[in-house]
N, C-alpha and C. Protein backbone atom coordinates (compact mmCIF):
# COMPACT_ATOMS: atom_id res chain seq x y z
N UNK A 1 202.09 120.57 130.97
CA UNK A 1 201.21 119.51 131.41
C UNK A 1 200.75 118.72 130.18
N UNK A 2 200.73 117.43 130.29
CA UNK A 2 200.35 116.56 129.20
C UNK A 2 198.84 116.34 129.19
N UNK A 3 198.28 116.32 127.99
CA UNK A 3 196.85 116.06 127.83
C UNK A 3 196.57 114.61 128.18
N UNK A 4 195.72 114.33 129.17
CA UNK A 4 195.47 112.94 129.57
C UNK A 4 194.70 112.14 128.51
N UNK A 5 194.09 112.81 127.57
CA UNK A 5 193.35 112.10 126.53
C UNK A 5 194.20 111.83 125.29
N UNK A 6 195.45 112.27 125.27
CA UNK A 6 196.32 112.10 124.10
C UNK A 6 196.43 110.64 123.65
N UNK A 7 196.55 109.66 124.55
CA UNK A 7 196.63 108.26 124.07
C UNK A 7 195.39 107.82 123.30
N UNK A 8 194.26 108.42 123.59
CA UNK A 8 193.04 108.07 122.88
C UNK A 8 193.10 108.48 121.41
N UNK A 9 193.89 109.48 121.10
CA UNK A 9 194.03 109.94 119.72
C UNK A 9 194.59 108.85 118.82
N UNK A 10 195.34 107.92 119.39
CA UNK A 10 195.89 106.82 118.59
C UNK A 10 194.79 105.86 118.12
N UNK A 11 193.62 105.93 118.72
CA UNK A 11 192.51 105.08 118.31
C UNK A 11 191.74 105.66 117.12
N UNK A 12 192.04 106.90 116.76
CA UNK A 12 191.32 107.56 115.67
C UNK A 12 191.29 106.75 114.38
N UNK A 13 192.37 106.10 113.95
CA UNK A 13 192.30 105.32 112.72
C UNK A 13 191.30 104.16 112.77
N UNK A 14 190.90 103.76 113.97
CA UNK A 14 189.94 102.66 114.09
C UNK A 14 188.49 103.12 113.93
N UNK A 15 188.25 104.43 114.00
CA UNK A 15 186.87 104.92 113.94
C UNK A 15 186.16 104.57 112.63
N UNK A 16 186.78 104.74 111.45
CA UNK A 16 186.08 104.33 110.23
C UNK A 16 185.79 102.83 110.19
N UNK A 17 186.70 102.02 110.68
CA UNK A 17 186.47 100.58 110.72
C UNK A 17 185.28 100.27 111.64
N UNK A 18 185.22 100.93 112.77
CA UNK A 18 184.10 100.74 113.69
C UNK A 18 182.80 101.23 113.06
N UNK A 19 182.84 102.33 112.33
CA UNK A 19 181.64 102.84 111.66
C UNK A 19 181.16 101.85 110.60
N UNK A 20 182.09 101.30 109.83
CA UNK A 20 181.71 100.32 108.80
C UNK A 20 181.16 99.05 109.43
N UNK A 21 181.75 98.62 110.54
CA UNK A 21 181.25 97.44 111.25
C UNK A 21 179.83 97.69 111.76
N UNK A 22 179.60 98.86 112.35
CA UNK A 22 178.28 99.21 112.86
C UNK A 22 177.27 99.25 111.72
N UNK A 23 177.66 99.83 110.60
CA UNK A 23 176.78 99.87 109.43
C UNK A 23 176.44 98.44 108.99
N UNK A 24 177.45 97.57 108.93
CA UNK A 24 177.23 96.18 108.51
C UNK A 24 176.30 95.45 109.48
N UNK A 25 176.45 95.69 110.76
CA UNK A 25 175.66 94.99 111.77
C UNK A 25 174.22 95.49 111.85
N UNK A 26 174.02 96.78 111.60
CA UNK A 26 172.70 97.37 111.82
C UNK A 26 171.95 97.66 110.53
N UNK A 27 172.60 98.29 109.56
CA UNK A 27 171.89 98.80 108.39
C UNK A 27 172.01 97.93 107.15
N UNK A 28 173.09 97.19 106.98
CA UNK A 28 173.22 96.33 105.81
C UNK A 28 172.05 95.35 105.68
N UNK A 29 171.71 94.62 106.75
CA UNK A 29 170.57 93.69 106.62
C UNK A 29 169.26 94.43 106.30
N UNK A 30 169.07 95.60 106.84
CA UNK A 30 167.86 96.38 106.58
C UNK A 30 167.76 96.76 105.10
N UNK A 31 168.84 97.33 104.55
CA UNK A 31 168.79 97.77 103.16
C UNK A 31 168.73 96.60 102.19
N UNK A 32 169.47 95.52 102.46
CA UNK A 32 169.42 94.37 101.55
C UNK A 32 168.05 93.69 101.60
N UNK A 33 167.44 93.59 102.77
CA UNK A 33 166.10 93.00 102.85
C UNK A 33 165.10 93.85 102.07
N UNK A 34 165.26 95.15 102.15
CA UNK A 34 164.40 96.05 101.39
C UNK A 34 164.63 95.88 99.89
N UNK A 35 165.88 95.73 99.49
CA UNK A 35 166.20 95.56 98.06
C UNK A 35 165.63 94.25 97.52
N UNK A 36 165.67 93.20 98.32
CA UNK A 36 165.15 91.90 97.89
C UNK A 36 163.65 91.98 97.59
N UNK A 37 162.93 92.80 98.35
CA UNK A 37 161.49 92.94 98.10
C UNK A 37 161.21 93.63 96.77
N UNK A 38 162.21 94.29 96.22
CA UNK A 38 162.03 95.01 94.95
C UNK A 38 162.40 94.17 93.73
N UNK A 39 163.06 93.06 93.95
CA UNK A 39 163.47 92.20 92.84
C UNK A 39 162.26 91.62 92.11
N UNK A 40 162.35 91.64 90.79
CA UNK A 40 161.33 90.97 89.99
C UNK A 40 161.59 89.48 89.99
N UNK A 41 160.71 88.74 89.35
CA UNK A 41 160.88 87.28 89.33
C UNK A 41 161.82 86.86 88.21
N UNK A 42 162.42 85.72 88.40
CA UNK A 42 163.28 85.14 87.38
C UNK A 42 164.70 85.67 87.38
N UNK A 43 165.43 85.19 86.38
CA UNK A 43 166.84 85.52 86.25
C UNK A 43 167.05 87.01 86.01
N UNK A 44 166.13 87.64 85.31
CA UNK A 44 166.29 89.05 84.97
C UNK A 44 165.54 89.97 85.94
N UNK A 45 165.33 89.49 87.16
CA UNK A 45 164.64 90.28 88.18
C UNK A 45 165.34 91.59 88.52
N UNK A 46 166.65 91.64 88.29
CA UNK A 46 167.39 92.88 88.52
C UNK A 46 167.02 93.97 87.52
N UNK A 47 166.45 93.57 86.38
CA UNK A 47 166.08 94.52 85.35
C UNK A 47 164.56 94.70 85.23
N UNK A 48 163.84 93.92 86.00
CA UNK A 48 162.38 93.97 85.95
C UNK A 48 161.85 93.99 87.39
N UNK A 49 161.88 95.18 88.02
CA UNK A 49 161.46 95.27 89.42
C UNK A 49 160.02 94.82 89.64
N UNK A 50 159.75 94.40 90.85
CA UNK A 50 158.41 93.92 91.21
C UNK A 50 157.42 95.09 91.32
N UNK A 51 156.16 94.75 91.33
CA UNK A 51 155.11 95.75 91.53
C UNK A 51 155.32 96.44 92.88
N UNK A 52 155.73 95.67 93.87
CA UNK A 52 155.99 96.23 95.20
C UNK A 52 157.07 97.30 95.18
N UNK A 53 158.05 97.15 94.29
CA UNK A 53 159.11 98.16 94.18
C UNK A 53 158.52 99.49 93.74
N UNK A 54 157.65 99.42 92.74
CA UNK A 54 157.00 100.65 92.27
C UNK A 54 156.12 101.24 93.35
N UNK A 55 155.41 100.38 94.08
CA UNK A 55 154.53 100.86 95.15
C UNK A 55 155.32 101.48 96.29
N UNK A 56 156.54 101.00 96.53
CA UNK A 56 157.36 101.57 97.59
C UNK A 56 157.96 102.90 97.18
N UNK A 57 158.43 103.00 95.94
CA UNK A 57 159.16 104.19 95.51
C UNK A 57 158.23 105.26 94.93
N UNK A 58 157.22 104.85 94.20
CA UNK A 58 156.24 105.79 93.61
C UNK A 58 154.83 105.39 94.05
N UNK A 59 154.52 105.52 95.34
CA UNK A 59 153.23 105.02 95.81
C UNK A 59 152.03 105.70 95.14
N UNK A 60 152.07 106.99 95.02
CA UNK A 60 150.91 107.70 94.45
C UNK A 60 150.79 107.45 92.96
N UNK A 61 151.91 107.44 92.25
CA UNK A 61 151.88 107.19 90.79
C UNK A 61 151.43 105.76 90.51
N UNK A 62 151.87 104.81 91.31
CA UNK A 62 151.48 103.41 91.11
C UNK A 62 149.99 103.24 91.37
N UNK A 63 149.49 103.90 92.40
CA UNK A 63 148.05 103.83 92.68
C UNK A 63 147.25 104.49 91.55
N UNK A 64 147.75 105.65 91.08
CA UNK A 64 147.06 106.35 89.98
C UNK A 64 147.06 105.52 88.70
N UNK A 65 148.08 104.68 88.52
CA UNK A 65 148.17 103.82 87.34
C UNK A 65 147.35 102.54 87.51
N UNK A 66 146.62 102.44 88.61
CA UNK A 66 145.80 101.26 88.85
C UNK A 66 146.64 100.02 89.12
N UNK A 67 147.84 100.22 89.63
CA UNK A 67 148.78 99.13 89.92
C UNK A 67 149.09 98.30 88.68
N UNK A 68 148.98 98.93 87.54
CA UNK A 68 149.33 98.31 86.27
C UNK A 68 150.63 98.96 85.78
N UNK A 69 151.71 98.21 85.78
CA UNK A 69 153.01 98.76 85.44
C UNK A 69 153.09 99.24 83.99
N UNK A 70 152.21 98.73 83.12
CA UNK A 70 152.19 99.18 81.73
C UNK A 70 151.77 100.65 81.63
N UNK A 71 151.11 101.15 82.67
CA UNK A 71 150.67 102.54 82.68
C UNK A 71 151.74 103.51 83.18
N UNK A 72 152.87 102.96 83.62
CA UNK A 72 153.99 103.79 84.08
C UNK A 72 155.05 103.82 82.98
N UNK A 73 155.83 104.87 82.95
CA UNK A 73 156.78 105.05 81.87
C UNK A 73 158.20 104.60 82.15
N UNK A 74 159.05 104.90 81.21
CA UNK A 74 160.48 104.58 81.29
C UNK A 74 161.14 105.26 82.48
N UNK A 75 160.73 106.49 82.75
CA UNK A 75 161.28 107.23 83.89
C UNK A 75 161.07 106.46 85.19
N UNK A 76 159.85 105.98 85.40
CA UNK A 76 159.55 105.23 86.63
C UNK A 76 160.39 103.96 86.71
N UNK A 77 160.50 103.25 85.58
CA UNK A 77 161.31 102.03 85.57
C UNK A 77 162.76 102.34 85.91
N UNK A 78 163.31 103.40 85.31
CA UNK A 78 164.72 103.75 85.54
C UNK A 78 164.97 104.11 87.00
N UNK A 79 164.09 104.89 87.59
CA UNK A 79 164.27 105.30 88.98
C UNK A 79 164.13 104.10 89.92
N UNK A 80 163.13 103.27 89.69
CA UNK A 80 162.92 102.10 90.55
C UNK A 80 164.09 101.11 90.42
N UNK A 81 164.54 100.89 89.21
CA UNK A 81 165.66 99.97 88.99
C UNK A 81 166.93 100.52 89.64
N UNK A 82 167.21 101.79 89.44
CA UNK A 82 168.40 102.41 90.05
C UNK A 82 168.31 102.37 91.57
N UNK A 83 167.12 102.61 92.11
CA UNK A 83 166.94 102.56 93.56
C UNK A 83 167.19 101.16 94.11
N UNK A 84 166.70 100.16 93.39
CA UNK A 84 166.90 98.77 93.81
C UNK A 84 168.39 98.42 93.78
N UNK A 85 169.06 98.78 92.69
CA UNK A 85 170.50 98.50 92.60
C UNK A 85 171.27 99.24 93.68
N UNK A 86 170.88 100.49 93.93
CA UNK A 86 171.56 101.28 94.96
C UNK A 86 171.46 100.62 96.33
N UNK A 87 170.32 99.99 96.61
CA UNK A 87 170.15 99.33 97.91
C UNK A 87 171.03 98.09 98.04
N UNK A 88 171.44 97.51 96.95
CA UNK A 88 172.39 96.40 96.99
C UNK A 88 173.83 96.89 96.96
N UNK A 89 174.13 97.77 96.02
CA UNK A 89 175.52 98.14 95.74
C UNK A 89 176.13 99.08 96.77
N UNK A 90 175.43 100.17 97.10
CA UNK A 90 176.02 101.15 98.02
C UNK A 90 176.33 100.57 99.40
N UNK A 91 175.42 99.82 100.03
CA UNK A 91 175.78 99.22 101.32
C UNK A 91 176.96 98.25 101.22
N UNK A 92 177.03 97.48 100.13
CA UNK A 92 178.15 96.56 99.96
C UNK A 92 179.47 97.32 99.87
N UNK A 93 179.47 98.42 99.12
CA UNK A 93 180.68 99.23 99.00
C UNK A 93 181.10 99.82 100.34
N UNK A 94 180.13 100.27 101.12
CA UNK A 94 180.45 100.82 102.44
C UNK A 94 181.08 99.75 103.32
N UNK A 95 180.49 98.57 103.36
CA UNK A 95 181.00 97.50 104.22
C UNK A 95 182.40 97.05 103.78
N UNK A 96 182.60 96.93 102.48
CA UNK A 96 183.91 96.52 101.97
C UNK A 96 184.94 97.63 102.08
N UNK A 97 184.49 98.85 102.22
CA UNK A 97 185.42 99.97 102.27
C UNK A 97 185.99 100.29 100.90
N UNK A 98 185.18 100.11 99.86
CA UNK A 98 185.60 100.41 98.49
C UNK A 98 184.83 101.63 98.01
N UNK A 99 185.56 102.64 97.57
CA UNK A 99 184.93 103.92 97.21
C UNK A 99 184.05 104.40 98.36
N UNK A 100 184.59 104.28 99.55
CA UNK A 100 183.81 104.49 100.78
C UNK A 100 183.18 105.86 100.85
N UNK A 101 183.95 106.90 100.58
CA UNK A 101 183.41 108.26 100.69
C UNK A 101 182.24 108.45 99.73
N UNK A 102 182.42 108.03 98.49
CA UNK A 102 181.39 108.18 97.48
C UNK A 102 180.16 107.34 97.83
N UNK A 103 180.38 106.10 98.26
CA UNK A 103 179.27 105.22 98.62
C UNK A 103 178.51 105.75 99.83
N UNK A 104 179.22 106.24 100.84
CA UNK A 104 178.56 106.79 102.03
C UNK A 104 177.77 108.04 101.67
N UNK A 105 178.33 108.88 100.80
CA UNK A 105 177.61 110.07 100.36
C UNK A 105 176.35 109.67 99.58
N UNK A 106 176.47 108.65 98.74
CA UNK A 106 175.30 108.14 98.02
C UNK A 106 174.25 107.59 98.96
N UNK A 107 174.68 106.91 100.02
CA UNK A 107 173.73 106.37 101.00
C UNK A 107 173.00 107.50 101.73
N UNK A 108 173.71 108.60 102.01
CA UNK A 108 173.06 109.75 102.65
C UNK A 108 171.95 110.28 101.74
N UNK A 109 172.27 110.43 100.46
CA UNK A 109 171.26 110.87 99.50
C UNK A 109 170.10 109.89 99.44
N UNK A 110 170.41 108.61 99.46
CA UNK A 110 169.37 107.58 99.43
C UNK A 110 168.46 107.71 100.64
N UNK A 111 169.04 107.91 101.81
CA UNK A 111 168.25 108.02 103.05
C UNK A 111 167.37 109.27 103.02
N UNK A 112 167.89 110.36 102.48
CA UNK A 112 167.08 111.58 102.35
C UNK A 112 165.87 111.31 101.45
N UNK A 113 166.11 110.69 100.28
CA UNK A 113 165.01 110.38 99.37
C UNK A 113 164.03 109.38 99.99
N UNK A 114 164.56 108.39 100.68
CA UNK A 114 163.72 107.41 101.36
C UNK A 114 162.83 108.09 102.40
N UNK A 115 163.40 109.00 103.15
CA UNK A 115 162.65 109.70 104.19
C UNK A 115 161.55 110.57 103.59
N UNK A 116 161.89 111.29 102.52
CA UNK A 116 160.89 112.13 101.86
C UNK A 116 159.77 111.29 101.26
N UNK A 117 160.12 110.13 100.69
CA UNK A 117 159.10 109.23 100.14
C UNK A 117 158.21 108.70 101.25
N UNK A 118 158.80 108.32 102.38
CA UNK A 118 158.00 107.84 103.50
C UNK A 118 157.05 108.92 104.00
N UNK A 119 157.56 110.14 104.12
CA UNK A 119 156.75 111.22 104.68
C UNK A 119 155.66 111.69 103.74
N UNK A 120 156.03 111.94 102.49
CA UNK A 120 155.08 112.56 101.56
C UNK A 120 154.45 111.56 100.59
N UNK A 121 155.22 110.61 100.10
CA UNK A 121 154.67 109.63 99.17
C UNK A 121 153.71 108.67 99.84
N UNK A 122 154.08 108.22 101.04
CA UNK A 122 153.24 107.27 101.77
C UNK A 122 152.35 107.96 102.80
N UNK A 123 152.46 109.28 102.92
CA UNK A 123 151.59 110.03 103.81
C UNK A 123 151.92 109.94 105.29
N UNK A 124 153.12 109.52 105.64
CA UNK A 124 153.48 109.37 107.05
C UNK A 124 153.52 110.72 107.77
N UNK A 125 153.70 111.79 107.03
CA UNK A 125 153.75 113.12 107.65
C UNK A 125 152.43 113.47 108.33
N UNK A 126 151.36 112.82 107.89
CA UNK A 126 150.03 113.09 108.45
C UNK A 126 149.77 112.37 109.76
N UNK A 127 150.63 111.43 110.13
CA UNK A 127 150.44 110.64 111.34
C UNK A 127 151.29 111.19 112.47
N UNK A 128 150.64 111.50 113.54
CA UNK A 128 151.31 112.05 114.72
C UNK A 128 152.43 111.13 115.21
N UNK A 129 153.58 111.67 115.42
CA UNK A 129 154.68 110.92 115.99
C UNK A 129 155.60 110.24 114.99
N UNK A 130 155.20 110.10 113.73
CA UNK A 130 156.06 109.42 112.76
C UNK A 130 157.32 110.23 112.48
N UNK A 131 157.15 111.52 112.24
CA UNK A 131 158.30 112.38 111.98
C UNK A 131 159.14 112.51 113.23
N UNK A 132 158.48 112.69 114.35
CA UNK A 132 159.19 112.88 115.60
C UNK A 132 159.69 114.30 115.74
N UNK A 133 160.42 114.53 116.79
CA UNK A 133 161.00 115.85 117.04
C UNK A 133 162.30 115.66 117.81
N UNK A 134 163.22 116.52 117.53
CA UNK A 134 164.47 116.48 118.30
C UNK A 134 164.27 117.20 119.63
N UNK A 135 165.09 116.86 120.60
CA UNK A 135 165.07 117.47 121.93
C UNK A 135 163.74 117.24 122.64
N UNK A 136 163.12 116.07 122.40
CA UNK A 136 161.81 115.79 122.99
C UNK A 136 161.84 114.67 124.03
N UNK A 137 162.99 114.21 124.43
CA UNK A 137 163.16 113.14 125.42
C UNK A 137 162.70 111.78 124.92
N UNK A 138 162.30 111.66 123.65
CA UNK A 138 161.88 110.37 123.08
C UNK A 138 162.84 110.04 121.93
N UNK A 139 163.78 109.12 122.14
CA UNK A 139 164.81 108.88 121.13
C UNK A 139 164.43 107.89 120.02
N UNK A 140 163.14 107.59 119.88
CA UNK A 140 162.77 106.52 118.95
C UNK A 140 161.85 106.96 117.82
N UNK A 141 161.88 108.23 117.45
CA UNK A 141 161.07 108.66 116.31
C UNK A 141 161.59 107.98 115.05
N UNK A 142 160.67 107.53 114.21
CA UNK A 142 161.06 106.74 113.04
C UNK A 142 161.87 107.53 112.02
N UNK A 143 161.63 108.81 111.90
CA UNK A 143 162.29 109.56 110.85
C UNK A 143 163.42 110.42 111.43
N UNK A 144 163.13 111.45 112.18
CA UNK A 144 164.16 112.38 112.61
C UNK A 144 165.23 111.72 113.47
N UNK A 145 164.84 111.02 114.51
CA UNK A 145 165.83 110.46 115.43
C UNK A 145 166.63 109.34 114.78
N UNK A 146 165.92 108.36 114.27
CA UNK A 146 166.57 107.17 113.71
C UNK A 146 167.49 107.54 112.55
N UNK A 147 166.98 108.29 111.62
CA UNK A 147 167.75 108.56 110.40
C UNK A 147 168.83 109.60 110.63
N UNK A 148 168.72 110.40 111.68
CA UNK A 148 169.82 111.30 112.03
C UNK A 148 171.05 110.48 112.42
N UNK A 149 170.85 109.40 113.15
CA UNK A 149 171.97 108.52 113.51
C UNK A 149 172.56 107.85 112.27
N UNK A 150 171.70 107.41 111.38
CA UNK A 150 172.18 106.79 110.15
C UNK A 150 173.06 107.76 109.37
N UNK A 151 172.57 108.99 109.20
CA UNK A 151 173.30 109.98 108.41
C UNK A 151 174.60 110.36 109.11
N UNK A 152 174.57 110.48 110.43
CA UNK A 152 175.80 110.80 111.16
C UNK A 152 176.86 109.71 110.97
N UNK A 153 176.45 108.47 111.07
CA UNK A 153 177.37 107.35 110.86
C UNK A 153 177.99 107.42 109.48
N UNK A 154 177.16 107.66 108.46
CA UNK A 154 177.66 107.73 107.09
C UNK A 154 178.48 108.99 106.85
N UNK A 155 178.11 110.09 107.48
CA UNK A 155 178.88 111.34 107.33
C UNK A 155 180.29 111.16 107.88
N UNK A 156 180.43 110.38 108.94
CA UNK A 156 181.78 110.12 109.46
C UNK A 156 182.62 109.39 108.43
N UNK A 157 182.01 108.52 107.65
CA UNK A 157 182.75 107.82 106.59
C UNK A 157 183.05 108.73 105.41
N UNK A 158 182.16 109.67 105.12
CA UNK A 158 182.44 110.64 104.06
C UNK A 158 183.68 111.44 104.43
N UNK A 159 183.79 111.83 105.68
CA UNK A 159 184.92 112.65 106.14
C UNK A 159 186.19 111.82 106.33
N UNK A 160 186.08 110.66 106.97
CA UNK A 160 187.25 109.88 107.35
C UNK A 160 187.67 108.84 106.33
N UNK A 161 186.79 108.47 105.41
CA UNK A 161 187.10 107.43 104.45
C UNK A 161 186.92 106.06 105.06
N UNK A 162 187.42 105.04 104.38
CA UNK A 162 187.23 103.65 104.80
C UNK A 162 188.09 103.21 105.96
N UNK A 163 189.21 103.87 106.16
CA UNK A 163 190.08 103.55 107.28
C UNK A 163 190.87 102.27 107.07
N UNK A 164 191.35 101.75 108.19
CA UNK A 164 192.13 100.52 108.17
C UNK A 164 191.27 99.36 107.68
N UNK A 165 191.89 98.39 107.11
CA UNK A 165 191.21 97.19 106.62
C UNK A 165 190.09 97.51 105.64
N UNK A 166 190.35 98.45 104.76
CA UNK A 166 189.38 98.77 103.72
C UNK A 166 189.99 98.47 102.36
N UNK A 167 189.16 98.19 101.39
CA UNK A 167 189.66 97.98 100.03
C UNK A 167 190.21 99.28 99.44
N UNK A 168 189.70 100.41 99.90
CA UNK A 168 190.26 101.69 99.46
C UNK A 168 191.75 101.75 99.76
N UNK A 169 192.11 101.30 100.93
CA UNK A 169 193.51 101.33 101.36
C UNK A 169 194.37 100.43 100.48
N UNK A 170 193.82 99.31 100.04
CA UNK A 170 194.56 98.37 99.19
C UNK A 170 194.62 98.86 97.75
N UNK A 171 193.47 99.22 97.21
CA UNK A 171 193.38 99.58 95.80
C UNK A 171 194.06 100.91 95.52
N UNK A 172 193.90 101.86 96.42
CA UNK A 172 194.41 103.20 96.16
C UNK A 172 195.64 103.54 96.98
N UNK A 173 196.39 102.56 97.41
CA UNK A 173 197.54 102.82 98.28
C UNK A 173 198.61 103.68 97.64
N UNK A 174 198.69 103.69 96.33
CA UNK A 174 199.70 104.51 95.65
C UNK A 174 199.14 105.83 95.13
N UNK A 175 197.88 106.10 95.42
CA UNK A 175 197.27 107.35 94.97
C UNK A 175 197.86 108.51 95.75
N UNK A 176 198.03 109.66 95.11
CA UNK A 176 198.61 110.82 95.81
C UNK A 176 197.83 111.22 97.06
N UNK A 177 196.53 111.01 97.07
CA UNK A 177 195.75 111.40 98.24
C UNK A 177 195.94 110.45 99.42
N UNK A 178 196.51 109.27 99.18
CA UNK A 178 196.70 108.30 100.24
C UNK A 178 198.09 108.38 100.84
N UNK A 179 199.08 108.57 100.01
CA UNK A 179 200.46 108.62 100.54
C UNK A 179 200.89 110.06 100.69
N UNK A 180 201.74 110.33 101.66
CA UNK A 180 202.20 111.70 101.85
C UNK A 180 203.06 112.15 100.66
N UNK A 181 203.01 113.42 100.39
CA UNK A 181 203.81 113.96 99.30
C UNK A 181 205.28 113.91 99.67
N UNK A 182 206.08 113.60 98.68
CA UNK A 182 207.53 113.58 98.94
C UNK A 182 208.04 115.01 98.97
N UNK A 183 209.02 115.25 99.81
CA UNK A 183 209.54 116.62 99.92
C UNK A 183 210.15 117.07 98.57
N UNK A 184 209.84 118.28 98.23
CA UNK A 184 210.36 118.84 96.99
C UNK A 184 211.68 119.55 97.26
N UNK A 185 212.67 119.37 96.38
CA UNK A 185 213.93 120.08 96.60
C UNK A 185 213.73 121.59 96.43
N UNK A 186 214.48 122.32 97.19
CA UNK A 186 214.38 123.78 97.10
C UNK A 186 214.95 124.24 95.76
N UNK A 187 214.32 125.25 95.13
CA UNK A 187 214.83 125.71 93.83
C UNK A 187 216.13 126.46 93.93
């Protein structure tokens, strides 16, 4: 007897493309809008994050410093700058399908750090309902429910790669991991 779902298996190569499209439609605008709020003023804004960037990423340290960036150190600048760049670069790589697995894995790490900062840095853990709960019949919790879907979408790209119509496919088409191994002659 033939499996009636077998023709659906031919659609499997489209799943990474669909995941990247969904990411572009839903999460790319979110992350880029967040990154823009972190840009400093002027031409060198990419190297001089705004006060808001520090307040978003290091809320308690920024408050303790009296919102004076001169009171924060090189470590804070490096983390805030890297976080701002990551919000621009990683989503772009995912959408383009370039270094897709690495970029999606980086985005998962970013989302974990973002969630921990929201919960503990901004004190959201203290507010009823912000964290949410799984299996509670309410699919709109800001942290657990929402970000579980984000991570699942990105995890599918970590496993499946960029798929069809990705720059990975173009750039790395001759890489051993992309093309099947040629049969070796018997000794």
